[in-house]
Amino acid sequence: MQDLLDRKGVNQELLDALEDSRLVRKEPRLDSFYYELSHDALLAPILTFRQERRLSAAQLEISAERFKARILMIVSVLALALLGVAIFLKIKADKATENARREAFNAKWLTAVFIKSEGQYEAALAGLKDARPFATDQNNLALLDSSEVQWTKAWQYSLQADSLLNGGDLRAGLEKYRQAFNVTPDNRLRNKIESVENQIREAVNKYLLAAEGISPGANHPVACEYLRRALELAPDNAEVQRQLHRRGCPGANSSKHN
């Protein structure tokens, strides 16, 4: 009997009411009592009720599991969506950073090129160094490396040209400027070359005029010296060669004027 009373919803008043309504009967058993159905006809509906109750409980459990699964699916979808948004934002941020680096590199590179075109090689090489941290790929790094080598070599040629010109050696200075221009062409070097070429033409014309003013046709040492200097500046100048031959100066190429 105590087992019955320990069950949820069962108490002595309920058992007494069932016994009074003759649905169950109370039978003595050892030191206690036990209850049994008064009629076998009650067994079928009770079993049916119990089965329906168990089925209902099972359905509720299935529904609860389905609800949990649905909630889990929604949470998973939301998590994936948030992950996708996070990835998208990171890609966008990385792209913006890369674009900013590319723009910074291009700006520093173009600035260095402009400075180099002005003949400020030392500052231009420093500009290449400043641009290196902003290089976005191997092509940028290769461009910086090749430019550094070329600009350094052109700078050396340009310094040598300036030194030669200061020493009065126009021909050798012109050759050094041409070497620098062949390494890395720019307007400054082009202007330098044109300027020296003009100086050479002017000097050659002065030497020719000076030689012509000295006893035309005579083998005069001073006239020959003027022509020799003109020939050093312009070895392919036909007029200089003609004057040397006409005067019979040493070093005249007679085969061209026979």
Protein backbone atom coordinates (compact mmCIF):
# COMPACT_ATOMS: atom_id res chain seq x y z
CA MET A 1 0.00 0.00 0.00
CA GLN A 2 2.83 2.35 0.81
CA ASP A 3 4.03 1.98 -2.78
CA LEU A 4 0.71 3.42 -3.96
CA LEU A 5 0.85 6.34 -1.59
CA ASP A 6 4.38 7.17 -2.71
CA ARG A 7 3.18 7.71 -6.28
CA LYS A 8 2.50 11.22 -7.50
CA GLY A 9 -1.17 12.23 -7.24
CA VAL A 10 -2.16 9.24 -5.06
CA ASN A 11 -3.35 9.69 -1.48
CA GLN A 12 -5.52 7.86 1.00
CA GLU A 13 -8.64 9.97 0.27
CA LEU A 14 -8.46 9.01 -3.41
CA LEU A 15 -8.12 5.33 -2.58
CA ASP A 16 -11.06 5.50 -0.17
CA ALA A 17 -13.18 7.25 -2.81
CA LEU A 18 -12.37 4.58 -5.42
CA GLU A 19 -13.25 1.86 -2.91
CA ASP A 20 -16.54 3.55 -1.96
CA SER A 21 -17.49 3.79 -5.65
CA ARG A 22 -16.73 0.07 -5.94
CA LEU A 23 -14.19 0.64 -8.70
CA VAL A 24 -11.52 -1.08 -6.59
CA ARG A 25 -11.61 -3.33 -3.64
CA LYS A 26 -9.32 -3.41 -0.66
CA GLU A 27 -7.81 -6.75 0.33
CA PRO A 28 -5.68 -7.48 3.41
CA ARG A 29 -2.18 -8.69 2.65
CA LEU A 30 0.26 -9.54 5.41
CA ASP A 31 0.58 -6.41 7.52
CA SER A 32 -0.89 -4.13 4.87
CA PHE A 33 -3.50 -3.88 2.16
CA TYR A 34 -3.48 -3.99 -1.62
CA TYR A 35 -6.07 -2.73 -4.09
CA GLU A 36 -7.36 -4.44 -7.22
CA LEU A 37 -10.02 -3.63 -9.81
CA SER A 38 -13.48 -4.69 -8.83
CA HIS A 39 -14.45 -5.66 -12.39
CA ASP A 40 -12.39 -7.07 -15.27
CA ALA A 41 -14.39 -4.88 -17.63
CA LEU A 42 -12.50 -1.88 -16.26
CA LEU A 43 -9.15 -3.34 -17.34
CA ALA A 44 -9.51 -2.61 -21.08
CA PRO A 45 -10.35 1.12 -20.81
CA ILE A 46 -7.62 1.60 -18.21
CA LEU A 47 -5.04 -0.08 -20.43
CA THR A 48 -6.26 1.97 -23.40
CA PHE A 49 -5.98 5.17 -21.37
CA ARG A 50 -2.51 4.22 -20.21
CA GLN A 51 -1.44 3.46 -23.80
CA GLU A 52 -2.84 6.76 -25.03
CA ARG A 53 -1.12 8.56 -22.21
CA ARG A 54 2.20 6.91 -23.02
CA LEU A 55 1.71 7.69 -26.72
CA SER A 56 0.91 11.30 -25.90
CA ALA A 57 4.02 11.54 -23.73
CA ALA A 58 6.10 10.03 -26.52
CA GLN A 59 4.66 12.50 -29.03
CA LEU A 60 5.40 15.36 -26.68
CA GLU A 61 8.95 14.10 -26.33
CA ILE A 62 9.28 13.82 -30.13
CA SER A 63 7.89 17.32 -30.54
CA ALA A 64 10.31 18.61 -27.95
CA GLU A 65 13.21 16.95 -29.75
CA ARG A 66 12.06 18.37 -33.07
CA PHE A 67 11.78 21.80 -31.48
CA LYS A 68 15.29 21.46 -30.08
CA ALA A 69 16.57 20.34 -33.50
CA ARG A 70 14.83 23.29 -35.17
CA ILE A 71 16.32 25.72 -32.66
CA LEU A 72 19.75 24.14 -33.17
CA MET A 73 19.38 24.48 -36.94
CA ILE A 74 18.36 28.14 -36.65
CA VAL A 75 21.30 28.82 -34.34
CA SER A 76 23.64 27.04 -36.77
CA VAL A 77 22.31 29.04 -39.72
CA LEU A 78 22.71 32.28 -37.78
CA ALA A 79 26.23 31.29 -36.75
CA LEU A 80 27.14 30.53 -40.37
CA ALA A 81 25.60 33.82 -41.48
CA LEU A 82 27.59 35.74 -38.87
CA LEU A 83 30.73 33.87 -39.88
CA GLY A 84 30.07 34.76 -43.51
CA VAL A 85 29.60 38.42 -42.61
CA ALA A 86 32.80 38.38 -40.57
CA ILE A 87 34.74 36.81 -43.46
CA PHE A 88 33.25 39.32 -45.92
CA LEU A 89 34.18 42.26 -43.69
CA LYS A 90 37.72 40.92 -43.23
CA ILE A 91 38.17 40.44 -46.98
CA LYS A 92 36.83 43.95 -47.57
CA ALA A 93 39.16 45.38 -44.93
CA ASP A 94 42.15 43.47 -46.35
CA LYS A 95 41.32 44.70 -49.84
CA ALA A 96 41.03 48.28 -48.61
CA THR A 97 44.40 47.95 -46.87
CA GLU A 98 45.97 46.49 -50.02
CA ASN A 99 44.52 49.31 -52.14
CA ALA A 100 45.85 51.88 -49.70
CA ARG A 101 49.31 50.28 -49.83
CA ARG A 102 49.20 50.17 -53.63
CA GLU A 103 48.24 53.85 -53.83
CA ALA A 104 50.97 54.78 -51.35
CA PHE A 105 53.53 52.77 -53.33
CA ASN A 106 52.52 54.39 -56.63
CA ALA A 107 52.70 57.87 -55.09
CA LYS A 108 56.16 57.28 -53.61
CA TRP A 109 57.40 55.62 -56.80
CA LEU A 110 56.23 58.47 -59.04
CA THR A 111 57.74 61.00 -56.64
CA ALA A 112 61.09 59.22 -56.78
CA VAL A 113 60.93 59.13 -60.61
CA PHE A 114 60.24 62.86 -60.74
CA ILE A 115 63.10 63.62 -58.35
CA LYS A 116 65.42 61.46 -60.46
CA SER A 117 64.37 63.31 -63.61
CA GLU A 118 65.55 66.51 -61.90
CA GLY A 119 68.99 64.97 -61.47
CA GLN A 120 68.68 64.56 -57.68
CA TYR A 121 69.83 60.95 -57.67
CA GLU A 122 70.63 60.70 -53.97
CA ALA A 123 67.14 61.91 -52.97
CA ALA A 124 65.56 59.67 -55.64
CA LEU A 125 67.33 56.59 -54.27
CA ALA A 126 66.11 57.52 -50.79
CA GLY A 127 62.60 57.71 -52.27
CA LEU A 128 62.93 54.14 -53.57
CA LYS A 129 63.87 53.04 -50.07
CA ASP A 130 60.79 54.78 -48.65
CA ALA A 131 58.56 53.04 -51.20
CA ARG A 132 59.82 49.52 -50.39
CA PRO A 133 57.60 48.92 -47.27
CA PHE A 134 54.53 49.63 -49.43
CA ALA A 135 55.38 47.11 -52.17
CA THR A 136 52.36 44.81 -52.62
CA ASP A 137 53.94 42.05 -54.71
CA GLN A 138 57.15 40.72 -56.23
CA ASN A 139 56.71 42.91 -59.31
CA ASN A 140 56.92 46.03 -57.15
CA LEU A 141 60.05 44.73 -55.43
CA ALA A 142 61.64 43.80 -58.76
CA LEU A 143 60.89 47.31 -60.07
CA LEU A 144 62.53 48.89 -57.02
CA ASP A 145 65.59 46.63 -57.28
CA SER A 146 66.17 47.26 -60.99
CA SER A 147 65.57 51.01 -60.59
CA GLU A 148 68.05 51.20 -57.73
CA VAL A 149 70.74 49.51 -59.83
CA GLN A 150 70.04 51.65 -62.91
CA TRP A 151 69.79 54.95 -61.05
CA THR A 152 72.96 54.28 -59.09
CA LYS A 153 74.87 53.56 -62.30
CA ALA A 154 73.39 56.63 -64.05
CA TRP A 155 74.31 58.75 -61.02
CA GLN A 156 77.91 57.57 -61.23
CA TYR A 157 78.09 58.32 -64.97
CA SER A 158 76.53 61.74 -64.40
CA LEU A 159 79.03 62.61 -61.66
CA GLN A 160 81.89 61.52 -63.93
CA ALA A 161 80.45 63.64 -66.76
CA ASP A 162 80.23 66.71 -64.54
CA SER A 163 83.81 66.22 -63.41
CA LEU A 164 85.07 65.85 -66.99
CA LEU A 165 83.17 68.94 -68.13
CA ASN A 166 84.58 70.96 -65.24
CA GLY A 167 88.01 69.85 -66.44
CA GLY A 168 87.24 71.06 -69.95
CA ASP A 169 86.94 67.60 -71.56
CA LEU A 170 83.72 68.11 -73.50
CA ARG A 171 84.00 64.97 -75.61
CA ALA A 172 84.53 62.57 -72.69
CA GLY A 173 81.85 64.34 -70.63
CA LEU A 174 79.37 63.98 -73.49
CA GLU A 175 80.11 60.25 -73.70
CA LYS A 176 79.44 59.80 -69.97
CA TYR A 177 76.12 61.66 -70.25
CA ARG A 178 75.17 59.39 -73.14
CA GLN A 179 76.03 56.32 -71.07
CA ALA A 180 73.84 57.61 -68.23
CA PHE A 181 71.01 58.29 -70.70
CA ASN A 182 71.27 54.77 -72.11
CA VAL A 183 70.92 53.33 -68.59
CA THR A 184 67.87 55.39 -67.61
CA PRO A 185 66.61 58.03 -70.08
CA ASP A 186 65.12 61.27 -68.80
CA ASN A 187 64.67 64.87 -69.95
CA ARG A 188 67.46 66.23 -67.75
CA LEU A 189 70.06 63.97 -69.32
CA ARG A 190 68.67 64.70 -72.78
CA ASN A 191 69.03 68.41 -72.13
CA LYS A 192 72.56 67.89 -70.79
CA ILE A 193 73.54 65.96 -73.93
CA GLU A 194 72.08 68.62 -76.22
CA SER A 195 73.83 71.36 -74.27
CA VAL A 196 77.24 69.68 -74.51
CA GLU A 197 76.70 68.91 -78.20
CA ASN A 198 75.99 72.61 -78.79
CA GLN A 199 79.13 73.55 -76.86
CA ILE A 200 81.16 71.15 -79.00
CA ARG A 201 79.72 72.58 -82.24
CA GLU A 202 80.47 76.11 -81.08
CA ALA A 203 84.01 75.16 -80.09
CA VAL A 204 84.63 73.38 -83.41
CA ASN A 205 83.36 76.42 -85.36
CA LYS A 206 85.64 78.70 -83.33
CA TYR A 207 88.66 76.49 -84.07
CA LEU A 208 87.76 76.41 -87.78
CA LEU A 209 87.43 80.20 -87.93
CA ALA A 210 90.68 80.63 -86.04
CA ALA A 211 92.47 78.26 -88.44
CA GLU A 212 91.00 79.96 -91.51
CA GLY A 213 92.33 83.31 -90.26
CA ILE A 214 95.91 82.06 -90.43
CA SER A 215 97.54 82.10 -93.92
CA PRO A 216 95.07 79.96 -95.89
CA GLY A 217 96.79 77.04 -97.60
CA ALA A 218 99.97 77.25 -95.53
CA ASN A 219 101.14 74.47 -93.24
CA HIS A 220 101.08 76.70 -90.23
CA PRO A 221 101.62 74.92 -86.85
CA VAL A 222 99.11 77.13 -85.00
CA ALA A 223 96.41 76.56 -87.64
CA CYS A 224 97.06 72.82 -87.54
CA GLU A 225 96.79 72.89 -83.76
CA TYR A 226 93.39 74.57 -83.98
CA LEU A 227 92.24 71.96 -86.48
CA ARG A 228 93.64 69.12 -84.36
CA ARG A 229 91.64 70.36 -81.35
CA ALA A 230 88.52 70.59 -83.50
CA LEU A 231 89.15 67.04 -84.72
CA GLU A 232 89.39 65.78 -81.11
CA LEU A 233 85.97 67.26 -80.41
CA ALA A 234 84.38 66.13 -83.68
CA PRO A 235 86.30 63.20 -85.26
CA ASP A 236 83.67 62.77 -87.99
CA ASN A 237 83.41 66.43 -88.97
CA ALA A 238 83.99 66.55 -92.75
CA GLU A 239 84.99 70.24 -92.82
CA VAL A 240 87.68 69.71 -90.20
CA GLN A 241 89.05 66.75 -92.17
CA ARG A 242 89.05 68.83 -95.36
CA GLN A 243 90.93 71.71 -93.73
CA LEU A 244 93.53 69.34 -92.27
CA HIS A 245 94.08 67.78 -95.66
CA ARG A 246 94.19 71.14 -97.46
CA ARG A 247 96.88 72.41 -95.13
CA GLY A 248 98.76 69.11 -95.10
CA CYS A 249 98.66 68.97 -91.33
CA PRO A 250 99.99 65.83 -89.63
CA GLY A 251 97.16 63.34 -88.96
CA ALA A 252 95.07 64.39 -91.96
CA ASN A 253 93.14 61.50 -93.55
CA SER A 254 94.21 61.98 -97.15
CA SER A 255 92.25 58.98 -98.44
CA LYS A 256 88.97 60.87 -97.87
CA HIS A 257 90.01 63.92 -99.82
CA ASN A 258 91.97 62.73 -102.87
